[in-house]
Amino acid sequence: MKVKLHPHAQARILERGATEREVIATVENGEQFPVRFGKRGFRRNFPCKAQWRGKHYVSKQVEAIAVQENDNWLVITVMVKYF
């Protein structure tokens, strides 16, 4: 399946410190979970070892919420948690 990014998701990626590559890897290889209204969530942890907003973190978790369109996933939003 191909992964496409909605413009809203692209804006959230930049705003929240993820990369497009991480989001695509999350959808392709991450843990899946059901979300309301027929959407699917995808979750995956990545090593971070960097600063984000003045604090140092060693890992980040990327969550992507997507809808299936034909044989593609359309990512509609992205959330990132640092720890």
PDB file of N, CA and C in Angstrom:
ATOM      1  N   MET A   1       0.830  -1.191   0.000  1.00  0.00           N
ATOM      2  CA  MET A   1       0.000   0.000   0.000  1.00  0.00           C
ATOM      3  C   MET A   1       0.869   1.247   0.000  1.00  0.00           C
ATOM      4  N   LYS A   2       0.439   2.233  -0.706  1.00  0.00           N
ATOM      5  CA  LYS A   2       1.147   3.509  -0.751  1.00  0.00           C
ATOM      6  C   LYS A   2       0.633   4.413   0.368  1.00  0.00           C
ATOM      7  N   VAL A   3       1.525   5.211   0.936  1.00  0.00           N
ATOM      8  CA  VAL A   3       1.168   6.142   2.003  1.00  0.00           C
ATOM      9  C   VAL A   3       1.213   7.560   1.449  1.00  0.00           C
ATOM     10  N   LYS A   4       0.097   8.272   1.578  1.00  0.00           N
ATOM     11  CA  LYS A   4       0.021   9.663   1.147  1.00  0.00           C
ATOM     12  C   LYS A   4      -0.208  10.543   2.368  1.00  0.00           C
ATOM     13  N   LEU A   5       0.239  11.786   2.291  1.00  0.00           N
ATOM     14  CA  LEU A   5       0.104  12.719   3.403  1.00  0.00           C
ATOM     15  C   LEU A   5      -0.834  13.861   3.034  1.00  0.00           C
ATOM     16  N   HIS A   6      -1.860  14.049   3.824  1.00  0.00           N
ATOM     17  CA  HIS A   6      -2.776  15.181   3.670  1.00  0.00           C
ATOM     18  C   HIS A   6      -2.003  16.457   4.036  1.00  0.00           C
ATOM     19  N   PRO A   7      -2.327  17.606   3.450  1.00  0.00           N
ATOM     20  CA  PRO A   7      -1.636  18.855   3.821  1.00  0.00           C
ATOM     21  C   PRO A   7      -1.683  19.158   5.325  1.00  0.00           C
ATOM     22  N   HIS A   8      -2.782  18.801   5.978  1.00  0.00           N
ATOM     23  CA  HIS A   8      -2.862  19.001   7.435  1.00  0.00           C
ATOM     24  C   HIS A   8      -1.789  18.169   8.141  1.00  0.00           C
ATOM     25  N   ALA A   9      -1.622  16.922   7.722  1.00  0.00           N
ATOM     26  CA  ALA A   9      -0.605  16.050   8.316  1.00  0.00           C
ATOM     27  C   ALA A   9       0.794  16.592   8.054  1.00  0.00           C
ATOM     28  N   GLN A  10       1.037  17.098   6.855  1.00  0.00           N
ATOM     29  CA  GLN A  10       2.358  17.663   6.540  1.00  0.00           C
ATOM     30  C   GLN A  10       2.675  18.844   7.454  1.00  0.00           C
ATOM     31  N   ALA A  11       1.697  19.665   7.727  1.00  0.00           N
ATOM     32  CA  ALA A  11       1.911  20.809   8.631  1.00  0.00           C
ATOM     33  C   ALA A  11       2.187  20.319  10.050  1.00  0.00           C
ATOM     34  N   ARG A  12       1.474  19.302  10.506  1.00  0.00           N
ATOM     35  CA  ARG A  12       1.686  18.778  11.859  1.00  0.00           C
ATOM     36  C   ARG A  12       3.054  18.118  11.985  1.00  0.00           C
ATOM     37  N   ILE A  13       3.537  17.484  10.912  1.00  0.00           N
ATOM     38  CA  ILE A  13       4.857  16.858  10.936  1.00  0.00           C
ATOM     39  C   ILE A  13       5.913  17.904  11.252  1.00  0.00           C
ATOM     40  N   LEU A  14       5.883  19.020  10.548  1.00  0.00           N
ATOM     41  CA  LEU A  14       6.858  20.086  10.772  1.00  0.00           C
ATOM     42  C   LEU A  14       6.702  20.696  12.162  1.00  0.00           C
ATOM     43  N   GLU A  15       5.480  20.918  12.562  1.00  0.00           N
ATOM     44  CA  GLU A  15       5.185  21.564  13.843  1.00  0.00           C
ATOM     45  C   GLU A  15       5.581  20.701  15.037  1.00  0.00           C
ATOM     46  N   ARG A  16       5.504  19.381  14.895  1.00  0.00           N
ATOM     47  CA  ARG A  16       5.677  18.485  16.039  1.00  0.00           C
ATOM     48  C   ARG A  16       6.994  17.725  16.052  1.00  0.00           C
ATOM     49  N   GLY A  17       7.853  17.970  15.072  1.00  0.00           N
ATOM     50  CA  GLY A  17       9.202  17.430  15.124  1.00  0.00           C
ATOM     51  C   GLY A  17       9.401  16.043  14.550  1.00  0.00           C
ATOM     52  N   ALA A  18       8.506  15.582  13.724  1.00  0.00           N
ATOM     53  CA  ALA A  18       8.693  14.293  13.054  1.00  0.00           C
ATOM     54  C   ALA A  18       9.232  14.549  11.644  1.00  0.00           C
ATOM     55  N   THR A  19       9.496  13.486  10.925  1.00  0.00           N
ATOM     56  CA  THR A  19       9.880  13.604   9.522  1.00  0.00           C
ATOM     57  C   THR A  19       8.880  12.792   8.691  1.00  0.00           C
ATOM     58  N   GLU A  20       8.784  13.123   7.412  1.00  0.00           N
ATOM     59  CA  GLU A  20       7.899  12.358   6.534  1.00  0.00           C
ATOM     60  C   GLU A  20       8.323  10.895   6.492  1.00  0.00           C
ATOM     61  N   ARG A  21       9.613  10.651   6.494  1.00  0.00           N
ATOM     62  CA  ARG A  21      10.135   9.278   6.468  1.00  0.00           C
ATOM     63  C   ARG A  21       9.679   8.495   7.702  1.00  0.00           C
ATOM     64  N   GLU A  22       9.712   9.143   8.881  1.00  0.00           N
ATOM     65  CA  GLU A  22       9.256   8.474  10.103  1.00  0.00           C
ATOM     66  C   GLU A  22       7.762   8.158  10.047  1.00  0.00           C
ATOM     67  N   VAL A  23       6.974   9.077   9.517  1.00  0.00           N
ATOM     68  CA  VAL A  23       5.532   8.857   9.425  1.00  0.00           C
ATOM     69  C   VAL A  23       5.225   7.699   8.471  1.00  0.00           C
ATOM     70  N   ILE A  24       5.888   7.664   7.348  1.00  0.00           N
ATOM     71  CA  ILE A  24       5.678   6.579   6.391  1.00  0.00           C
ATOM     72  C   ILE A  24       6.099   5.242   7.006  1.00  0.00           C
ATOM     73  N   ALA A  25       7.239   5.215   7.702  1.00  0.00           N
ATOM     74  CA  ALA A  25       7.693   3.987   8.371  1.00  0.00           C
ATOM     75  C   ALA A  25       6.714   3.558   9.455  1.00  0.00           C
ATOM     76  N   THR A  26       6.115   4.518  10.128  1.00  0.00           N
ATOM     77  CA  THR A  26       5.122   4.209  11.158  1.00  0.00           C
ATOM     78  C   THR A  26       3.910   3.515  10.551  1.00  0.00           C
ATOM     79  N   VAL A  27       3.423   4.029   9.440  1.00  0.00           N
ATOM     80  CA  VAL A  27       2.264   3.417   8.788  1.00  0.00           C
ATOM     81  C   VAL A  27       2.623   2.049   8.212  1.00  0.00           C
ATOM     82  N   GLU A  28       3.790   1.932   7.640  1.00  0.00           N
ATOM     83  CA  GLU A  28       4.176   0.678   6.997  1.00  0.00           C
ATOM     84  C   GLU A  28       4.540  -0.424   8.000  1.00  0.00           C
ATOM     85  N   ASN A  29       5.145  -0.057   9.131  1.00  0.00           N
ATOM     86  CA  ASN A  29       5.683  -1.071  10.041  1.00  0.00           C
ATOM     87  C   ASN A  29       5.269  -0.921  11.494  1.00  0.00           C
ATOM     88  N   GLY A  30       4.473   0.073  11.808  1.00  0.00           N
ATOM     89  CA  GLY A  30       4.119   0.319  13.202  1.00  0.00           C
ATOM     90  C   GLY A  30       2.947  -0.519  13.680  1.00  0.00           C
ATOM     91  N   GLU A  31       2.702  -0.403  14.969  1.00  0.00           N
ATOM     92  CA  GLU A  31       1.550  -1.058  15.602  1.00  0.00           C
ATOM     93  C   GLU A  31       0.274  -0.374  15.123  1.00  0.00           C
ATOM     94  N   GLN A  32      -0.736  -1.150  14.789  1.00  0.00           N
ATOM     95  CA  GLN A  32      -2.017  -0.590  14.344  1.00  0.00           C
ATOM     96  C   GLN A  32      -3.036  -0.665  15.469  1.00  0.00           C
ATOM     97  N   PHE A  33      -3.935   0.319  15.504  1.00  0.00           N
ATOM     98  CA  PHE A  33      -5.030   0.290  16.467  1.00  0.00           C
ATOM     99  C   PHE A  33      -6.236   1.011  15.861  1.00  0.00           C
ATOM    100  N   PRO A  34      -7.445   0.612  16.252  1.00  0.00           N
ATOM    101  CA  PRO A  34      -8.645   1.243  15.701  1.00  0.00           C
ATOM    102  C   PRO A  34      -8.855   2.638  16.274  1.00  0.00           C
ATOM    103  N   VAL A  35      -9.422   3.512  15.450  1.00  0.00           N
ATOM    104  CA  VAL A  35      -9.752   4.883  15.841  1.00  0.00           C
ATOM    105  C   VAL A  35     -11.197   5.122  15.430  1.00  0.00           C
ATOM    106  N   ARG A  36     -11.838   6.071  16.048  1.00  0.00           N
ATOM    107  CA  ARG A  36     -13.246   6.356  15.751  1.00  0.00           C
ATOM    108  C   ARG A  36     -13.483   6.651  14.272  1.00  0.00           C
ATOM    109  N   PHE A  37     -14.709   6.442  13.876  1.00  0.00           N
ATOM    110  CA  PHE A  37     -15.194   6.766  12.530  1.00  0.00           C
ATOM    111  C   PHE A  37     -14.459   6.010  11.427  1.00  0.00           C
ATOM    112  N   GLY A  38     -14.042   4.774  11.710  1.00  0.00           N
ATOM    113  CA  GLY A  38     -13.436   3.931  10.687  1.00  0.00           C
ATOM    114  C   GLY A  38     -11.990   4.255  10.352  1.00  0.00           C
ATOM    115  N   LYS A  39     -11.355   5.112  11.117  1.00  0.00           N
ATOM    116  CA  LYS A  39      -9.946   5.445  10.869  1.00  0.00           C
ATOM    117  C   LYS A  39      -9.059   4.424  11.568  1.00  0.00           C
ATOM    118  N   ARG A  40      -7.779   4.415  11.194  1.00  0.00           N
ATOM    119  CA  ARG A  40      -6.791   3.553  11.830  1.00  0.00           C
ATOM    120  C   ARG A  40      -5.666   4.409  12.372  1.00  0.00           C
ATOM    121  N   GLY A  41      -5.171   3.988  13.518  1.00  0.00           N
ATOM    122  CA  GLY A  41      -4.007   4.634  14.104  1.00  0.00           C
ATOM    123  C   GLY A  41      -2.798   3.728  13.936  1.00  0.00           C
ATOM    124  N   PHE A  42      -1.656   4.354  13.816  1.00  0.00           N
ATOM    125  CA  PHE A  42      -0.385   3.644  13.703  1.00  0.00           C
ATOM    126  C   PHE A  42       0.580   4.278  14.691  1.00  0.00           C
ATOM    127  N   ARG A  43       1.367   3.444  15.369  1.00  0.00           N
ATOM    128  CA  ARG A  43       2.269   3.951  16.405  1.00  0.00           C
ATOM    129  C   ARG A  43       3.613   3.243  16.283  1.00  0.00           C
ATOM    130  N   ARG A  44       4.690   4.028  16.424  1.00  0.00           N
ATOM    131  CA  ARG A  44       6.034   3.446  16.380  1.00  0.00           C
ATOM    132  C   ARG A  44       6.998   4.343  17.141  1.00  0.00           C
ATOM    133  N   ASN A  45       7.935   3.728  17.855  1.00  0.00           N
ATOM    134  CA  ASN A  45       8.968   4.458  18.586  1.00  0.00           C
ATOM    135  C   ASN A  45      10.232   4.565  17.745  1.00  0.00           C
ATOM    136  N   PHE A  46      10.903   5.709  17.888  1.00  0.00           N
ATOM    137  CA  PHE A  46      12.159   5.965  17.185  1.00  0.00           C
ATOM    138  C   PHE A  46      13.180   6.504  18.167  1.00  0.00           C
ATOM    139  N   PRO A  47      14.466   6.151  17.990  1.00  0.00           N
ATOM    140  CA  PRO A  47      15.494   6.801  18.809  1.00  0.00           C
ATOM    141  C   PRO A  47      15.572   8.272  18.411  1.00  0.00           C
ATOM    142  N   CYS A  48      15.763   9.122  19.380  1.00  0.00           N
ATOM    143  CA  CYS A  48      15.744  10.558  19.100  1.00  0.00           C
ATOM    144  C   CYS A  48      17.099  11.181  19.445  1.00  0.00           C
ATOM    145  N   LYS A  49      17.545  11.013  20.677  1.00  0.00           N
ATOM    146  CA  LYS A  49      18.827  11.541  21.155  1.00  0.00           C
ATOM    147  C   LYS A  49      19.076  12.965  20.670  1.00  0.00           C
ATOM    148  N   ALA A  50      18.108  13.826  20.916  1.00  0.00           N
ATOM    149  CA  ALA A  50      18.207  15.214  20.465  1.00  0.00           C
ATOM    150  C   ALA A  50      17.421  16.114  21.414  1.00  0.00           C
ATOM    151  N   GLN A  51      17.536  17.395  21.172  1.00  0.00           N
ATOM    152  CA  GLN A  51      16.766  18.354  21.946  1.00  0.00           C
ATOM    153  C   GLN A  51      15.493  18.718  21.199  1.00  0.00           C
ATOM    154  N   TRP A  52      14.432  18.867  21.973  1.00  0.00           N
ATOM    155  CA  TRP A  52      13.162  19.329  21.434  1.00  0.00           C
ATOM    156  C   TRP A  52      12.614  20.343  22.415  1.00  0.00           C
ATOM    157  N   ARG A  53      12.490  21.582  21.948  1.00  0.00           N
ATOM    158  CA  ARG A  53      11.982  22.677  22.766  1.00  0.00           C
ATOM    159  C   ARG A  53      12.730  22.822  24.088  1.00  0.00           C
ATOM    160  N   GLY A  54      14.058  22.727  23.980  1.00  0.00           N
ATOM    161  CA  GLY A  54      14.916  22.994  25.127  1.00  0.00           C
ATOM    162  C   GLY A  54      15.167  21.828  26.068  1.00  0.00           C
ATOM    163  N   LYS A  55      14.621  20.672  25.798  1.00  0.00           N
ATOM    164  CA  LYS A  55      14.845  19.497  26.636  1.00  0.00           C
ATOM    165  C   LYS A  55      15.460  18.386  25.796  1.00  0.00           C
ATOM    166  N   HIS A  56      16.301  17.573  26.459  1.00  0.00           N
ATOM    167  CA  HIS A  56      16.953  16.456  25.773  1.00  0.00           C
ATOM    168  C   HIS A  56      16.117  15.187  25.947  1.00  0.00           C
ATOM    169  N   TYR A  57      15.880  14.480  24.854  1.00  0.00           N
ATOM    170  CA  TYR A  57      15.113  13.238  24.872  1.00  0.00           C
ATOM    171  C   TYR A  57      15.892  12.149  24.150  1.00  0.00           C
ATOM    172  N   VAL A  58      15.658  10.906  24.547  1.00  0.00           N
ATOM    173  CA  VAL A  58      16.334   9.780  23.897  1.00  0.00           C
ATOM    174  C   VAL A  58      15.425   9.032  22.933  1.00  0.00           C
ATOM    175  N   SER A  59      14.117   9.204  23.063  1.00  0.00           N
ATOM    176  CA  SER A  59      13.166   8.505  22.185  1.00  0.00           C
ATOM    177  C   SER A  59      11.985   9.400  21.852  1.00  0.00           C
ATOM    178  N   LYS A  60      11.347   9.091  20.747  1.00  0.00           N
ATOM    179  CA  LYS A  60      10.079   9.748  20.421  1.00  0.00           C
ATOM    180  C   LYS A  60       9.143   8.721  19.827  1.00  0.00           C
ATOM    181  N   GLN A  61       7.868   8.934  20.062  1.00  0.00           N
ATOM    182  CA  GLN A  61       6.834   8.051  19.540  1.00  0.00           C
ATOM    183  C   GLN A  61       6.012   8.827  18.521  1.00  0.00           C
ATOM    184  N   VAL A  62       5.920   8.277  17.332  1.00  0.00           N
ATOM    185  CA  VAL A  62       5.147   8.911  16.271  1.00  0.00           C
ATOM    186  C   VAL A  62       3.830   8.157  16.142  1.00  0.00           C
ATOM    187  N   GLU A  63       2.726   8.905  16.164  1.00  0.00           N
ATOM    188  CA  GLU A  63       1.398   8.351  15.930  1.00  0.00           C
ATOM    189  C   GLU A  63       0.820   9.012  14.692  1.00  0.00           C
ATOM    190  N   ALA A  64       0.340   8.195  13.786  1.00  0.00           N
ATOM    191  CA  ALA A  64      -0.283   8.695  12.564  1.00  0.00           C
ATOM    192  C   ALA A  64      -1.713   8.181  12.517  1.00  0.00           C
ATOM    193  N   ILE A  65      -2.647   9.063  12.223  1.00  0.00           N
ATOM    194  CA  ILE A  65      -4.046   8.688  12.055  1.00  0.00           C
ATOM    195  C   ILE A  65      -4.340   8.755  10.565  1.00  0.00           C
ATOM    196  N   ALA A  66      -4.884   7.656  10.033  1.00  0.00           N
ATOM    197  CA  ALA A  66      -5.068   7.555   8.579  1.00  0.00           C
ATOM    198  C   ALA A  66      -6.419   6.940   8.226  1.00  0.00           C
ATOM    199  N   VAL A  67      -6.829   7.201   7.007  1.00  0.00           N
ATOM    200  CA  VAL A  67      -8.011   6.558   6.432  1.00  0.00           C
ATOM    201  C   VAL A  67      -7.559   5.804   5.190  1.00  0.00           C
ATOM    202  N   GLN A  68      -8.234   4.702   4.928  1.00  0.00           N
ATOM    203  CA  GLN A  68      -7.883   3.920   3.751  1.00  0.00           C
ATOM    204  C   GLN A  68      -8.684   4.423   2.558  1.00  0.00           C
ATOM    205  N   GLU A  69      -7.974   4.713   1.480  1.00  0.00           N
ATOM    206  CA  GLU A  69      -8.583   5.130   0.217  1.00  0.00           C
ATOM    207  C   GLU A  69      -8.123   4.173  -0.857  1.00  0.00           C
ATOM    208  N   ASN A  70      -9.030   3.316  -1.297  1.00  0.00           N
ATOM    209  CA  ASN A  70      -8.690   2.265  -2.254  1.00  0.00           C
ATOM    210  C   ASN A  70      -7.557   1.429  -1.686  1.00  0.00           C
ATOM    211  N   ASP A  71      -6.417   1.403  -2.348  1.00  0.00           N
ATOM    212  CA  ASP A  71      -5.277   0.625  -1.856  1.00  0.00           C
ATOM    213  C   ASP A  71      -4.217   1.505  -1.205  1.00  0.00           C
ATOM    214  N   ASN A  72      -4.582   2.703  -0.782  1.00  0.00           N
ATOM    215  CA  ASN A  72      -3.626   3.641  -0.179  1.00  0.00           C
ATOM    216  C   ASN A  72      -4.071   4.032   1.216  1.00  0.00           C
ATOM    217  N   TRP A  73      -3.112   4.466   2.019  1.00  0.00           N
ATOM    218  CA  TRP A  73      -3.408   5.091   3.308  1.00  0.00           C
ATOM    219  C   TRP A  73      -3.210   6.592   3.150  1.00  0.00           C
ATOM    220  N   LEU A  74      -4.190   7.376   3.565  1.00  0.00           N
ATOM    221  CA  LEU A  74      -4.078   8.834   3.588  1.00  0.00           C
ATOM    222  C   LEU A  74      -3.932   9.252   5.041  1.00  0.00           C
ATOM    223  N   VAL A  75      -2.738   9.727   5.404  1.00  0.00           N
ATOM    224  CA  VAL A  75      -2.483  10.181   6.766  1.00  0.00           C
ATOM    225  C   VAL A  75      -3.103  11.566   6.923  1.00  0.00           C
ATOM    226  N   ILE A  76      -3.985  11.698   7.920  1.00  0.00           N
ATOM    227  CA  ILE A  76      -4.690  12.975   8.089  1.00  0.00           C
ATOM    228  C   ILE A  76      -4.140  13.819   9.230  1.00  0.00           C
ATOM    229  N   THR A  77      -3.494  13.185  10.214  1.00  0.00           N
ATOM    230  CA  THR A  77      -2.831  13.960  11.258  1.00  0.00           C
ATOM    231  C   THR A  77      -1.715  13.133  11.885  1.00  0.00           C
ATOM    232  N   VAL A  78      -0.807  13.823  12.556  1.00  0.00           N
ATOM    233  CA  VAL A  78       0.359  13.197  13.165  1.00  0.00           C
ATOM    234  C   VAL A  78       0.566  13.791  14.551  1.00  0.00           C
ATOM    235  N   MET A  79       0.865  12.912  15.511  1.00  0.00           N
ATOM    236  CA  MET A  79       1.185  13.347  16.870  1.00  0.00           C
ATOM    237  C   MET A  79       2.543  12.766  17.240  1.00  0.00           C
ATOM    238  N   VAL A  80       3.301  13.486  18.044  1.00  0.00           N
ATOM    239  CA  VAL A  80       4.626  13.026  18.460  1.00  0.00           C
ATOM    240  C   VAL A  80       4.738  13.205  19.962  1.00  0.00           C
ATOM    241  N   LYS A  81       5.210  12.143  20.632  1.00  0.00           N
ATOM    242  CA  LYS A  81       5.444  12.183  22.080  1.00  0.00           C
ATOM    243  C   LYS A  81       6.926  11.934  22.314  1.00  0.00           C
ATOM    244  N   TYR A  82       7.512  12.726  23.176  1.00  0.00           N
ATOM    245  CA  TYR A  82       8.942  12.610  23.487  1.00  0.00           C
ATOM    246  C   TYR A  82       9.110  12.052  24.876  1.00  0.00           C
ATOM    247  N   PHE A  83      10.118  11.172  25.032  1.00  0.00           N
ATOM    248  CA  PHE A  83      10.431  10.626  26.358  1.00  0.00           C
ATOM    249  C   PHE A  83      11.869  10.174  26.405  1.00  0.00           C
TER     250      PHE A  83
END
